[in-house]
PDB file of N, CA and C in Angstrom:
ATOM      1  N   UNK A   1     125.725 136.695  93.990  1.00  0.00           N
ATOM      2  CA  UNK A   1     125.368 135.119  93.613  1.00  0.00           C
ATOM      3  C   UNK A   1     123.837 134.701  94.141  1.00  0.00           C
ATOM      4  N   UNK A   2     123.271 134.161  93.107  1.00  0.00           N
ATOM      5  CA  UNK A   2     121.897 133.587  92.897  1.00  0.00           C
ATOM      6  C   UNK A   2     121.778 132.597  93.629  1.00  0.00           C
ATOM      7  N   UNK A   3     120.525 132.207  94.586  1.00  0.00           N
ATOM      8  CA  UNK A   3     120.605 131.121  94.978  1.00  0.00           C
ATOM      9  C   UNK A   3     119.606 130.229  94.246  1.00  0.00           C
ATOM     10  N   UNK A   4     120.133 128.927  94.387  1.00  0.00           N
ATOM     11  CA  UNK A   4     119.690 127.813  93.588  1.00  0.00           C
ATOM     12  C   UNK A   4     118.217 127.667  94.129  1.00  0.00           C
ATOM     13  N   UNK A   5     117.083 128.151  93.731  1.00  0.00           N
ATOM     14  CA  UNK A   5     115.721 127.845  94.635  1.00  0.00           C
ATOM     15  C   UNK A   5     114.732 127.439  93.309  1.00  0.00           C
ATOM     16  N   UNK A   6     114.329 126.593  93.531  1.00  0.00           N
ATOM     17  CA  UNK A   6     113.511 126.036  92.332  1.00  0.00           C
ATOM     18  C   UNK A   6     112.195 125.571  92.910  1.00  0.00           C
ATOM     19  N   UNK A   7     111.773 126.171  93.977  1.00  0.00           N
ATOM     20  CA  UNK A   7     110.411 126.288  94.272  1.00  0.00           C
ATOM     21  C   UNK A   7     110.352 125.520  95.893  1.00  0.00           C
ATOM     22  N   UNK A   8     109.027 125.230  95.982  1.00  0.00           N
ATOM     23  CA  UNK A   8     108.867 124.504  97.393  1.00  0.00           C
ATOM     24  C   UNK A   8     109.573 123.277  97.414  1.00  0.00           C
ATOM     25  N   UNK A   9     110.260 123.057  98.683  1.00  0.00           N
ATOM     26  CA  UNK A   9     110.681 121.616  98.623  1.00  0.00           C
ATOM     27  C   UNK A   9     110.001 120.793  99.419  1.00  0.00           C
ATOM     28  N   UNK A  10     110.335 119.363  99.309  1.00  0.00           N
ATOM     29  CA  UNK A  10     109.141 118.376 100.096  1.00  0.00           C
ATOM     30  C   UNK A  10     109.439 118.312 101.529  1.00  0.00           C
ATOM     31  N   UNK A  11     108.249 117.852 102.153  1.00  0.00           N
ATOM     32  CA  UNK A  11     108.279 118.115 103.736  1.00  0.00           C
ATOM     33  C   UNK A  11     109.651 117.025 104.233  1.00  0.00           C
ATOM     34  N   UNK A  12     109.995 116.291 103.586  1.00  0.00           N
ATOM     35  CA  UNK A  12     111.110 115.382 104.050  1.00  0.00           C
ATOM     36  C   UNK A  12     112.296 116.487 103.952  1.00  0.00           C
ATOM     37  N   UNK A  13     112.575 116.823 102.613  1.00  0.00           N
ATOM     38  CA  UNK A  13     113.620 117.960 102.345  1.00  0.00           C
ATOM     39  C   UNK A  13     113.711 118.915 103.611  1.00  0.00           C
ATOM     40  N   UNK A  14     112.422 119.336 103.758  1.00  0.00           N
ATOM     41  CA  UNK A  14     112.342 120.467 104.658  1.00  0.00           C
ATOM     42  C   UNK A  14     113.048 120.149 106.269  1.00  0.00           C
ATOM     43  N   UNK A  15     112.417 118.775 106.512  1.00  0.00           N
ATOM     44  CA  UNK A  15     112.796 118.373 107.809  1.00  0.00           C
ATOM     45  C   UNK A  15     114.385 118.123 107.838  1.00  0.00           C
ATOM     46  N   UNK A  16     114.987 117.768 106.877  1.00  0.00           N
ATOM     47  CA  UNK A  16     116.404 117.325 106.951  1.00  0.00           C
ATOM     48  C   UNK A  16     116.908 118.623 106.715  1.00  0.00           C
ATOM     49  N   UNK A  17     116.775 119.618 106.108  1.00  0.00           N
ATOM     50  CA  UNK A  17     117.508 121.055 106.146  1.00  0.00           C
ATOM     51  C   UNK A  17     117.391 121.368 107.586  1.00  0.00           C
ATOM     52  N   UNK A  18     116.118 121.610 107.919  1.00  0.00           N
ATOM     53  CA  UNK A  18     115.985 121.930 109.419  1.00  0.00           C
ATOM     54  C   UNK A  18     116.724 121.318 110.441  1.00  0.00           C
ATOM     55  N   UNK A  19     117.003 120.197 110.192  1.00  0.00           N
ATOM     56  CA  UNK A  19     118.123 119.264 111.177  1.00  0.00           C
ATOM     57  C   UNK A  19     119.311 119.819 110.873  1.00  0.00           C
ATOM     58  N   UNK A  20     119.744 119.893 109.644  1.00  0.00           N
ATOM     59  CA  UNK A  20     121.123 120.317 109.290  1.00  0.00           C
ATOM     60  C   UNK A  20     121.462 121.723 109.672  1.00  0.00           C
ATOM     61  N   UNK A  21     120.120 122.574 109.682  1.00  0.00           N
ATOM     62  CA  UNK A  21     120.629 124.190 110.160  1.00  0.00           C
ATOM     63  C   UNK A  21     120.917 124.005 111.728  1.00  0.00           C
ATOM     64  N   UNK A  22     120.303 123.299 112.287  1.00  0.00           N
ATOM     65  CA  UNK A  22     120.452 123.028 113.938  1.00  0.00           C
ATOM     66  C   UNK A  22     121.999 122.526 114.292  1.00  0.00           C
ATOM     67  N   UNK A  23     122.277 121.692 113.247  1.00  0.00           N
ATOM     68  CA  UNK A  23     123.677 120.839 113.403  1.00  0.00           C
ATOM     69  C   UNK A  23     124.686 122.022 113.010  1.00  0.00           C
ATOM     70  N   UNK A  24     124.309 122.753 112.384  1.00  0.00           N
ATOM     71  CA  UNK A  24     125.509 124.093 111.673  1.00  0.00           C
ATOM     72  C   UNK A  24     125.398 124.942 112.876  1.00  0.00           C
ATOM     73  N   UNK A  25     124.199 125.295 113.294  1.00  0.00           N
ATOM     74  CA  UNK A  25     124.250 126.208 114.594  1.00  0.00           C
ATOM     75  C   UNK A  25     125.050 125.855 115.768  1.00  0.00           C
ATOM     76  N   UNK A  26     124.740 124.372 116.138  1.00  0.00           N
ATOM     77  CA  UNK A  26     125.573 123.804 117.180  1.00  0.00           C
ATOM     78  C   UNK A  26     127.000 123.867 116.981  1.00  0.00           C
ATOM     79  N   UNK A  27     127.576 124.164 115.888  1.00  0.00           N
ATOM     80  CA  UNK A  27     128.993 124.328 115.645  1.00  0.00           C
ATOM     81  C   UNK A  27     129.447 125.539 115.413  1.00  0.00           C
ATOM     82  N   UNK A  28     128.420 126.499 115.442  1.00  0.00           N
ATOM     83  CA  UNK A  28     128.876 128.101 115.031  1.00  0.00           C
ATOM     84  C   UNK A  28     129.135 128.575 116.297  1.00  0.00           C
ATOM     85  N   UNK A  29     130.453 128.743 116.597  1.00  0.00           N
ATOM     86  CA  UNK A  29     131.029 129.260 117.785  1.00  0.00           C
ATOM     87  C   UNK A  29     130.706 130.578 118.533  1.00  0.00           C
ATOM     88  N   UNK A  30     130.606 131.576 117.457  1.00  0.00           N
ATOM     89  CA  UNK A  30     130.070 132.713 118.122  1.00  0.00           C
ATOM     90  C   UNK A  30     128.520 132.701 118.524  1.00  0.00           C
ATOM     91  N   UNK A  31     127.649 132.077 117.794  1.00  0.00           N
ATOM     92  CA  UNK A  31     126.289 131.920 118.169  1.00  0.00           C
ATOM     93  C   UNK A  31     126.038 131.272 119.307  1.00  0.00           C
ATOM     94  N   UNK A  32     126.807 130.047 119.641  1.00  0.00           N
ATOM     95  CA  UNK A  32     126.704 129.087 120.946  1.00  0.00           C
ATOM     96  C   UNK A  32     127.255 130.369 121.990  1.00  0.00           C
ATOM     97  N   UNK A  33     128.373 130.999 121.857  1.00  0.00           N
ATOM     98  CA  UNK A  33     128.941 132.037 122.843  1.00  0.00           C
ATOM     99  C   UNK A  33     127.814 133.019 123.111  1.00  0.00           C
ATOM    100  N   UNK A  34     127.179 133.587 122.179  1.00  0.00           N
ATOM    101  CA  UNK A  34     125.697 134.307 122.486  1.00  0.00           C
ATOM    102  C   UNK A  34     124.613 133.862 123.391  1.00  0.00           C
ATOM    103  N   UNK A  35     124.339 132.503 123.040  1.00  0.00           N
ATOM    104  CA  UNK A  35     123.515 132.033 123.631  1.00  0.00           C
ATOM    105  C   UNK A  35     123.807 131.200 124.981  1.00  0.00           C
ATOM    106  N   UNK A  36     124.892 130.873 125.188  1.00  0.00           N
ATOM    107  CA  UNK A  36     125.546 130.615 126.313  1.00  0.00           C
ATOM    108  C   UNK A  36     125.881 131.781 127.448  1.00  0.00           C
ATOM    109  N   UNK A  37     126.182 132.692 127.110  1.00  0.00           N
ATOM    110  CA  UNK A  37     126.116 134.147 128.166  1.00  0.00           C
ATOM    111  C   UNK A  37     124.984 135.023 127.493  1.00  0.00           C
ATOM    112  N   UNK A  38     124.123 134.472 127.100  1.00  0.00           N
ATOM    113  CA  UNK A  38     122.741 135.318 127.164  1.00  0.00           C
ATOM    114  C   UNK A  38     123.205 136.928 126.839  1.00  0.00           C
ATOM    115  N   UNK A  39     123.847 136.717 125.497  1.00  0.00           N
ATOM    116  CA  UNK A  39     123.718 138.408 124.981  1.00  0.00           C
ATOM    117  C   UNK A  39     122.680 138.753 124.460  1.00  0.00           C
ATOM    118  N   UNK A  40     121.349 137.900 124.300  1.00  0.00           N
ATOM    119  CA  UNK A  40     120.401 138.274 123.856  1.00  0.00           C
ATOM    120  C   UNK A  40     119.201 138.176 125.044  1.00  0.00           C
ATOM    121  N   UNK A  41     119.704 138.090 126.206  1.00  0.00           N
ATOM    122  CA  UNK A  41     118.867 138.137 127.216  1.00  0.00           C
ATOM    123  C   UNK A  41     118.433 136.703 127.844  1.00  0.00           C
ATOM    124  N   UNK A  42     117.297 136.454 128.517  1.00  0.00           N
ATOM    125  CA  UNK A  42     117.422 135.308 128.992  1.00  0.00           C
ATOM    126  C   UNK A  42     116.665 134.196 128.121  1.00  0.00           C
ATOM    127  N   UNK A  43     115.888 134.912 126.842  1.00  0.00           N
ATOM    128  CA  UNK A  43     115.542 134.149 125.999  1.00  0.00           C
ATOM    129  C   UNK A  43     116.298 133.911 124.835  1.00  0.00           C
ATOM    130  N   UNK A  44     117.731 133.940 124.970  1.00  0.00           N
ATOM    131  CA  UNK A  44     118.679 134.034 123.938  1.00  0.00           C
ATOM    132  C   UNK A  44     118.477 132.464 123.317  1.00  0.00           C
ATOM    133  N   UNK A  45     118.237 131.146 123.943  1.00  0.00           N
ATOM    134  CA  UNK A  45     117.820 130.170 123.243  1.00  0.00           C
ATOM    135  C   UNK A  45     116.750 130.215 122.144  1.00  0.00           C
ATOM    136  N   UNK A  46     115.830 130.739 122.700  1.00  0.00           N
ATOM    137  CA  UNK A  46     114.607 130.820 121.746  1.00  0.00           C
ATOM    138  C   UNK A  46     114.865 131.942 120.881  1.00  0.00           C
ATOM    139  N   UNK A  47     115.765 132.839 120.857  1.00  0.00           N
ATOM    140  CA  UNK A  47     115.965 133.713 119.826  1.00  0.00           C
ATOM    141  C   UNK A  47     116.807 132.887 118.890  1.00  0.00           C
ATOM    142  N   UNK A  48     117.807 132.107 119.198  1.00  0.00           N
ATOM    143  CA  UNK A  48     118.335 131.182 118.274  1.00  0.00           C
ATOM    144  C   UNK A  48     117.665 130.248 117.397  1.00  0.00           C
ATOM    145  N   UNK A  49     116.646 129.658 118.341  1.00  0.00           N
ATOM    146  CA  UNK A  49     115.901 128.713 117.474  1.00  0.00           C
ATOM    147  C   UNK A  49     114.874 129.380 116.328  1.00  0.00           C
ATOM    148  N   UNK A  50     114.409 130.592 116.912  1.00  0.00           N
ATOM    149  CA  UNK A  50     113.868 131.293 116.083  1.00  0.00           C
ATOM    150  C   UNK A  50     114.683 132.148 114.712  1.00  0.00           C
ATOM    151  N   UNK A  51     115.911 132.287 114.966  1.00  0.00           N
ATOM    152  CA  UNK A  51     116.951 132.513 114.035  1.00  0.00           C
ATOM    153  C   UNK A  51     117.147 131.417 112.863  1.00  0.00           C
ATOM    154  N   UNK A  52     117.170 130.135 113.559  1.00  0.00           N
ATOM    155  CA  UNK A  52     117.316 128.839 112.485  1.00  0.00           C
ATOM    156  C   UNK A  52     115.682 128.888 111.798  1.00  0.00           C
ATOM    157  N   UNK A  53     114.733 128.982 112.311  1.00  0.00           N
ATOM    158  CA  UNK A  53     113.601 129.297 111.569  1.00  0.00           C
ATOM    159  C   UNK A  53     113.626 130.208 110.511  1.00  0.00           C
ATOM    160  N   UNK A  54     114.072 131.294 110.835  1.00  0.00           N
ATOM    161  CA  UNK A  54     114.301 132.084 109.575  1.00  0.00           C
ATOM    162  C   UNK A  54     114.788 131.781 108.534  1.00  0.00           C
ATOM    163  N   UNK A  55     115.908 131.262 108.876  1.00  0.00           N
ATOM    164  CA  UNK A  55     116.983 130.463 107.638  1.00  0.00           C
ATOM    165  C   UNK A  55     116.515 129.452 107.073  1.00  0.00           C
ATOM    166  N   UNK A  56     115.722 128.668 107.807  1.00  0.00           N
ATOM    167  CA  UNK A  56     114.853 127.457 106.888  1.00  0.00           C
ATOM    168  C   UNK A  56     113.574 128.253 106.011  1.00  0.00           C
ATOM    169  N   UNK A  57     113.096 129.152 106.554  1.00  0.00           N
ATOM    170  CA  UNK A  57     111.752 129.803 105.923  1.00  0.00           C
ATOM    171  C   UNK A  57     112.598 130.368 104.291  1.00  0.00           C
ATOM    172  N   UNK A  58     114.080 130.928 104.889  1.00  0.00           N
ATOM    173  CA  UNK A  58     114.365 131.610 103.443  1.00  0.00           C
ATOM    174  C   UNK A  58     114.517 130.781 102.502  1.00  0.00           C
ATOM    175  N   UNK A  59     115.042 129.644 102.798  1.00  0.00           N
ATOM    176  CA  UNK A  59     115.476 128.421 101.961  1.00  0.00           C
ATOM    177  C   UNK A  59     114.281 127.892 101.037  1.00  0.00           C
ATOM    178  N   UNK A  60     113.036 127.909 101.967  1.00  0.00           N
ATOM    179  CA  UNK A  60     111.820 127.354 101.566  1.00  0.00           C
ATOM    180  C   UNK A  60     110.854 128.013 100.584  1.00  0.00           C
ATOM    181  N   UNK A  61     111.117 129.325 100.740  1.00  0.00           N
ATOM    182  CA  UNK A  61     110.116 130.211  99.801  1.00  0.00           C
ATOM    183  C   UNK A  61     110.072 129.696  98.278  1.00  0.00           C
ATOM    184  N   UNK A  62     108.746 130.151  97.886  1.00  0.00           N
ATOM    185  CA  UNK A  62     108.663 129.267  96.625  1.00  0.00           C
ATOM    186  C   UNK A  62     108.725 130.365  95.440  1.00  0.00           C
ATOM    187  N   UNK A  63     109.015 131.652  95.944  1.00  0.00           N
ATOM    188  CA  UNK A  63     109.031 132.682  94.623  1.00  0.00           C
ATOM    189  C   UNK A  63     110.686 132.973  94.752  1.00  0.00           C
ATOM    190  N   UNK A  64     111.293 133.510  93.781  1.00  0.00           N
ATOM    191  CA  UNK A  64     112.635 134.097  93.369  1.00  0.00           C
ATOM    192  C   UNK A  64     112.810 135.010  92.482  1.00  0.00           C
ATOM    193  N   UNK A  65     114.001 135.230  91.971  1.00  0.00           N
ATOM    194  CA  UNK A  65     115.078 134.703  92.535  1.00  0.00           C
ATOM    195  C   UNK A  65     115.792 135.584  93.949  1.00  0.00           C
ATOM    196  N   UNK A  66     116.554 134.672  94.559  1.00  0.00           N
ATOM    197  CA  UNK A  66     117.087 134.840  95.968  1.00  0.00           C
ATOM    198  C   UNK A  66     118.465 135.142  95.944  1.00  0.00           C
ATOM    199  N   UNK A  67     118.984 136.112  96.256  1.00  0.00           N
ATOM    200  CA  UNK A  67     120.551 136.072  96.481  1.00  0.00           C
ATOM    201  C   UNK A  67     121.092 135.987  97.839  1.00  0.00           C
ATOM    202  N   UNK A  68     122.201 135.259  97.823  1.00  0.00           N
ATOM    203  CA  UNK A  68     122.659 134.933  99.205  1.00  0.00           C
ATOM    204  C   UNK A  68     123.222 135.943  99.949  1.00  0.00           C
ATOM    205  N   UNK A  69     123.598 136.977  99.302  1.00  0.00           N
ATOM    206  CA  UNK A  69     123.882 138.249  99.886  1.00  0.00           C
ATOM    207  C   UNK A  69     122.733 138.603 100.598  1.00  0.00           C
ATOM    208  N   UNK A  70     121.470 138.689 100.150  1.00  0.00           N
ATOM    209  CA  UNK A  70     120.434 138.928 101.151  1.00  0.00           C
ATOM    210  C   UNK A  70     120.323 138.375 102.126  1.00  0.00           C
ATOM    211  N   UNK A  71     120.576 136.973 102.285  1.00  0.00           N
ATOM    212  CA  UNK A  71     120.650 136.184 103.370  1.00  0.00           C
ATOM    213  C   UNK A  71     121.380 136.551 104.310  1.00  0.00           C
ATOM    214  N   UNK A  72     122.766 136.830 103.756  1.00  0.00           N
ATOM    215  CA  UNK A  72     123.621 137.249 104.943  1.00  0.00           C
ATOM    216  C   UNK A  72     123.157 138.655 105.324  1.00  0.00           C
ATOM    217  N   UNK A  73     122.561 139.436 104.713  1.00  0.00           N
ATOM    218  CA  UNK A  73     122.271 140.615 105.286  1.00  0.00           C
ATOM    219  C   UNK A  73     121.123 140.359 106.529  1.00  0.00           C
ATOM    220  N   UNK A  74     120.407 139.331 105.986  1.00  0.00           N
ATOM    221  CA  UNK A  74     119.241 139.150 107.120  1.00  0.00           C
ATOM    222  C   UNK A  74     120.156 138.249 108.189  1.00  0.00           C
ATOM    223  N   UNK A  75     120.912 137.388 108.147  1.00  0.00           N
ATOM    224  CA  UNK A  75     121.410 136.845 109.135  1.00  0.00           C
ATOM    225  C   UNK A  75     122.390 137.881 110.161  1.00  0.00           C
ATOM    226  N   UNK A  76     122.958 138.993 109.737  1.00  0.00           N
ATOM    227  CA  UNK A  76     123.578 139.794 110.239  1.00  0.00           C
ATOM    228  C   UNK A  76     122.751 140.792 110.994  1.00  0.00           C
ATOM    229  N   UNK A  77     121.757 141.249 110.329  1.00  0.00           N
ATOM    230  CA  UNK A  77     120.746 141.897 111.220  1.00  0.00           C
ATOM    231  C   UNK A  77     120.224 140.911 112.471  1.00  0.00           C
ATOM    232  N   UNK A  78     119.911 139.860 112.032  1.00  0.00           N
ATOM    233  CA  UNK A  78     119.386 139.310 113.164  1.00  0.00           C
ATOM    234  C   UNK A  78     120.345 138.786 114.562  1.00  0.00           C
ATOM    235  N   UNK A  79     121.530 138.796 114.321  1.00  0.00           N
ATOM    236  CA  UNK A  79     122.471 138.713 115.038  1.00  0.00           C
ATOM    237  C   UNK A  79     122.584 140.105 115.837  1.00  0.00           C
ATOM    238  N   UNK A  80     122.874 141.315 115.246  1.00  0.00           N
ATOM    239  CA  UNK A  80     122.853 142.591 115.665  1.00  0.00           C
ATOM    240  C   UNK A  80     121.641 142.639 116.651  1.00  0.00           C
ATOM    241  N   UNK A  81     120.515 142.489 116.192  1.00  0.00           N
ATOM    242  CA  UNK A  81     119.087 142.792 117.083  1.00  0.00           C
ATOM    243  C   UNK A  81     118.639 141.781 117.989  1.00  0.00           C
ATOM    244  N   UNK A  82     119.078 140.416 117.507  1.00  0.00           N
ATOM    245  CA  UNK A  82     118.879 139.760 118.840  1.00  0.00           C
ATOM    246  C   UNK A  82     120.013 139.147 119.863  1.00  0.00           C
ATOM    247  N   UNK A  83     121.053 139.323 119.447  1.00  0.00           N
ATOM    248  CA  UNK A  83     122.375 138.909 120.293  1.00  0.00           C
ATOM    249  C   UNK A  83     123.219 140.313 121.153  1.00  0.00           C
ATOM    250  N   UNK A  84     122.673 141.378 120.289  1.00  0.00           N
ATOM    251  CA  UNK A  84     123.565 142.646 120.516  1.00  0.00           C
ATOM    252  C   UNK A  84     125.492 142.548 119.915  1.00  0.00           C
ATOM    253  N   UNK A  85     125.240 141.682 118.891  1.00  0.00           N
ATOM    254  CA  UNK A  85     126.722 141.380 118.579  1.00  0.00           C
ATOM    255  C   UNK A  85     126.669 141.723 117.094  1.00  0.00           C
ATOM    256  N   UNK A  86     127.837 142.589 116.980  1.00  0.00           N
ATOM    257  CA  UNK A  86     128.504 143.118 115.443  1.00  0.00           C
ATOM    258  C   UNK A  86     129.565 142.162 115.348  1.00  0.00           C
ATOM    259  N   UNK A  87     129.425 141.202 114.120  1.00  0.00           N
ATOM    260  CA  UNK A  87     130.407 140.329 113.778  1.00  0.00           C
ATOM    261  C   UNK A  87     131.116 140.950 112.854  1.00  0.00           C
ATOM    262  N   UNK A  88     132.694 140.801 112.754  1.00  0.00           N
ATOM    263  CA  UNK A  88     133.335 141.468 111.612  1.00  0.00           C
ATOM    264  C   UNK A  88     134.481 140.281 111.267  1.00  0.00           C
ATOM    265  N   UNK A  89     134.117 139.193 111.548  1.00  0.00           N
ATOM    266  CA  UNK A  89     135.052 137.927 111.305  1.00  0.00           C
ATOM    267  C   UNK A  89     134.358 136.994 110.189  1.00  0.00           C
ATOM    268  N   UNK A  90     133.619 137.353 109.437  1.00  0.00           N
ATOM    269  CA  UNK A  90     133.036 136.497 108.445  1.00  0.00           C
ATOM    270  C   UNK A  90     132.293 135.105 108.861  1.00  0.00           C
ATOM    271  N   UNK A  91     132.041 135.391 110.163  1.00  0.00           N
ATOM    272  CA  UNK A  91     131.165 134.574 110.642  1.00  0.00           C
ATOM    273  C   UNK A  91     130.045 134.085 109.902  1.00  0.00           C
ATOM    274  N   UNK A  92     129.244 135.058 109.673  1.00  0.00           N
ATOM    275  CA  UNK A  92     128.114 134.723 108.850  1.00  0.00           C
ATOM    276  C   UNK A  92     128.301 134.222 107.674  1.00  0.00           C
ATOM    277  N   UNK A  93     129.297 134.648 106.807  1.00  0.00           N
ATOM    278  CA  UNK A  93     129.524 134.356 105.434  1.00  0.00           C
ATOM    279  C   UNK A  93     130.090 132.708 105.317  1.00  0.00           C
ATOM    280  N   UNK A  94     130.913 132.415 106.639  1.00  0.00           N
ATOM    281  CA  UNK A  94     131.198 130.909 106.464  1.00  0.00           C
ATOM    282  C   UNK A  94     129.809 129.886 106.846  1.00  0.00           C
ATOM    283  N   UNK A  95     128.942 130.476 107.841  1.00  0.00           N
ATOM    284  CA  UNK A  95     127.737 129.657 108.173  1.00  0.00           C
ATOM    285  C   UNK A  95     126.788 129.451 106.800  1.00  0.00           C
ATOM    286  N   UNK A  96     127.146 130.461 105.996  1.00  0.00           N
ATOM    287  CA  UNK A  96     126.325 130.546 104.685  1.00  0.00           C
ATOM    288  C   UNK A  96     126.713 129.523 103.647  1.00  0.00           C
ATOM    289  N   UNK A  97     127.785 129.224 103.704  1.00  0.00           N
ATOM    290  CA  UNK A  97     128.303 128.350 102.785  1.00  0.00           C
ATOM    291  C   UNK A  97     128.021 126.829 103.002  1.00  0.00           C
ATOM    292  N   UNK A  98     127.890 126.651 104.438  1.00  0.00           N
ATOM    293  CA  UNK A  98     127.411 125.421 105.028  1.00  0.00           C
ATOM    294  C   UNK A  98     125.968 125.364 104.650  1.00  0.00           C
ATOM    295  N   UNK A  99     125.016 126.182 104.820  1.00  0.00           N
ATOM    296  CA  UNK A  99     123.711 125.997 104.781  1.00  0.00           C
ATOM    297  C   UNK A  99     123.595 126.010 103.091  1.00  0.00           C
ATOM    298  N   UNK A 100     124.280 126.499 102.193  1.00  0.00           N
ATOM    299  CA  UNK A 100     123.988 126.398 100.719  1.00  0.00           C
ATOM    300  C   UNK A 100     124.192 124.952 100.360  1.00  0.00           C
ATOM    301  N   UNK A 101     125.508 124.281 101.102  1.00  0.00           N
ATOM    302  CA  UNK A 101     125.819 123.090 100.785  1.00  0.00           C
ATOM    303  C   UNK A 101     124.757 122.101 101.204  1.00  0.00           C
ATOM    304  N   UNK A 102     124.402 122.291 102.323  1.00  0.00           N
ATOM    305  CA  UNK A 102     123.292 121.308 102.998  1.00  0.00           C
ATOM    306  C   UNK A 102     121.948 121.339 102.243  1.00  0.00           C
ATOM    307  N   UNK A 103     121.651 122.545 101.730  1.00  0.00           N
ATOM    308  CA  UNK A 103     120.565 122.544 101.024  1.00  0.00           C
ATOM    309  C   UNK A 103     120.529 122.124  99.721  1.00  0.00           C
ATOM    310  N   UNK A 104     121.668 122.217  98.878  1.00  0.00           N
ATOM    311  CA  UNK A 104     121.781 121.546  97.852  1.00  0.00           C
ATOM    312  C   UNK A 104     121.768 120.187  97.716  1.00  0.00           C
ATOM    313  N   UNK A 105     122.315 119.432  99.028  1.00  0.00           N
ATOM    314  CA  UNK A 105     122.400 118.284  99.402  1.00  0.00           C
ATOM    315  C   UNK A 105     121.092 117.677  99.710  1.00  0.00           C
ATOM    316  N   UNK A 106     120.367 118.096 100.548  1.00  0.00           N
ATOM    317  CA  UNK A 106     118.829 117.819 100.851  1.00  0.00           C
ATOM    318  C   UNK A 106     118.039 117.894  99.890  1.00  0.00           C
ATOM    319  N   UNK A 107     118.063 119.051  98.818  1.00  0.00           N
ATOM    320  CA  UNK A 107     116.853 118.972  97.900  1.00  0.00           C
ATOM    321  C   UNK A 107     117.216 118.198  96.630  1.00  0.00           C
ATOM    322  N   UNK A 108     118.490 117.702  96.591  1.00  0.00           N
ATOM    323  CA  UNK A 108     118.994 117.101  95.248  1.00  0.00           C
ATOM    324  C   UNK A 108     118.730 115.346  95.486  1.00  0.00           C
ATOM    325  N   UNK A 109     117.981 114.963  96.689  1.00  0.00           N
ATOM    326  CA  UNK A 109     117.516 113.690  97.303  1.00  0.00           C
ATOM    327  C   UNK A 109     118.557 112.746  97.368  1.00  0.00           C
ATOM    328  N   UNK A 110     119.656 113.238  97.476  1.00  0.00           N
ATOM    329  CA  UNK A 110     120.775 112.473  97.779  1.00  0.00           C
ATOM    330  C   UNK A 110     121.007 111.677  99.487  1.00  0.00           C
TER     331      UNK A 110
END
């Protein structure tokens, strides 16, 4: 599935998207458990913040096309490497749909 990436987004849209990613992360149970229990070590919170920045950067790149399957792969890789967690419950895919909806909303100017 190709991502709708029409180029760089405005600073305002980037800020809104960043905030939306933080809100989605706050509701992502698996990630919150990983951070609270320091599955990634004492710097688990910083790793989660960097993870969010990685997603924001992915959505804001100016070249394409990008595929959501690539984002899923990146997210799963980050979870495994940063938090020593292997997710088999479609957790990443569930979050991905939230991000896509948020990006479409913030970039449409609504």
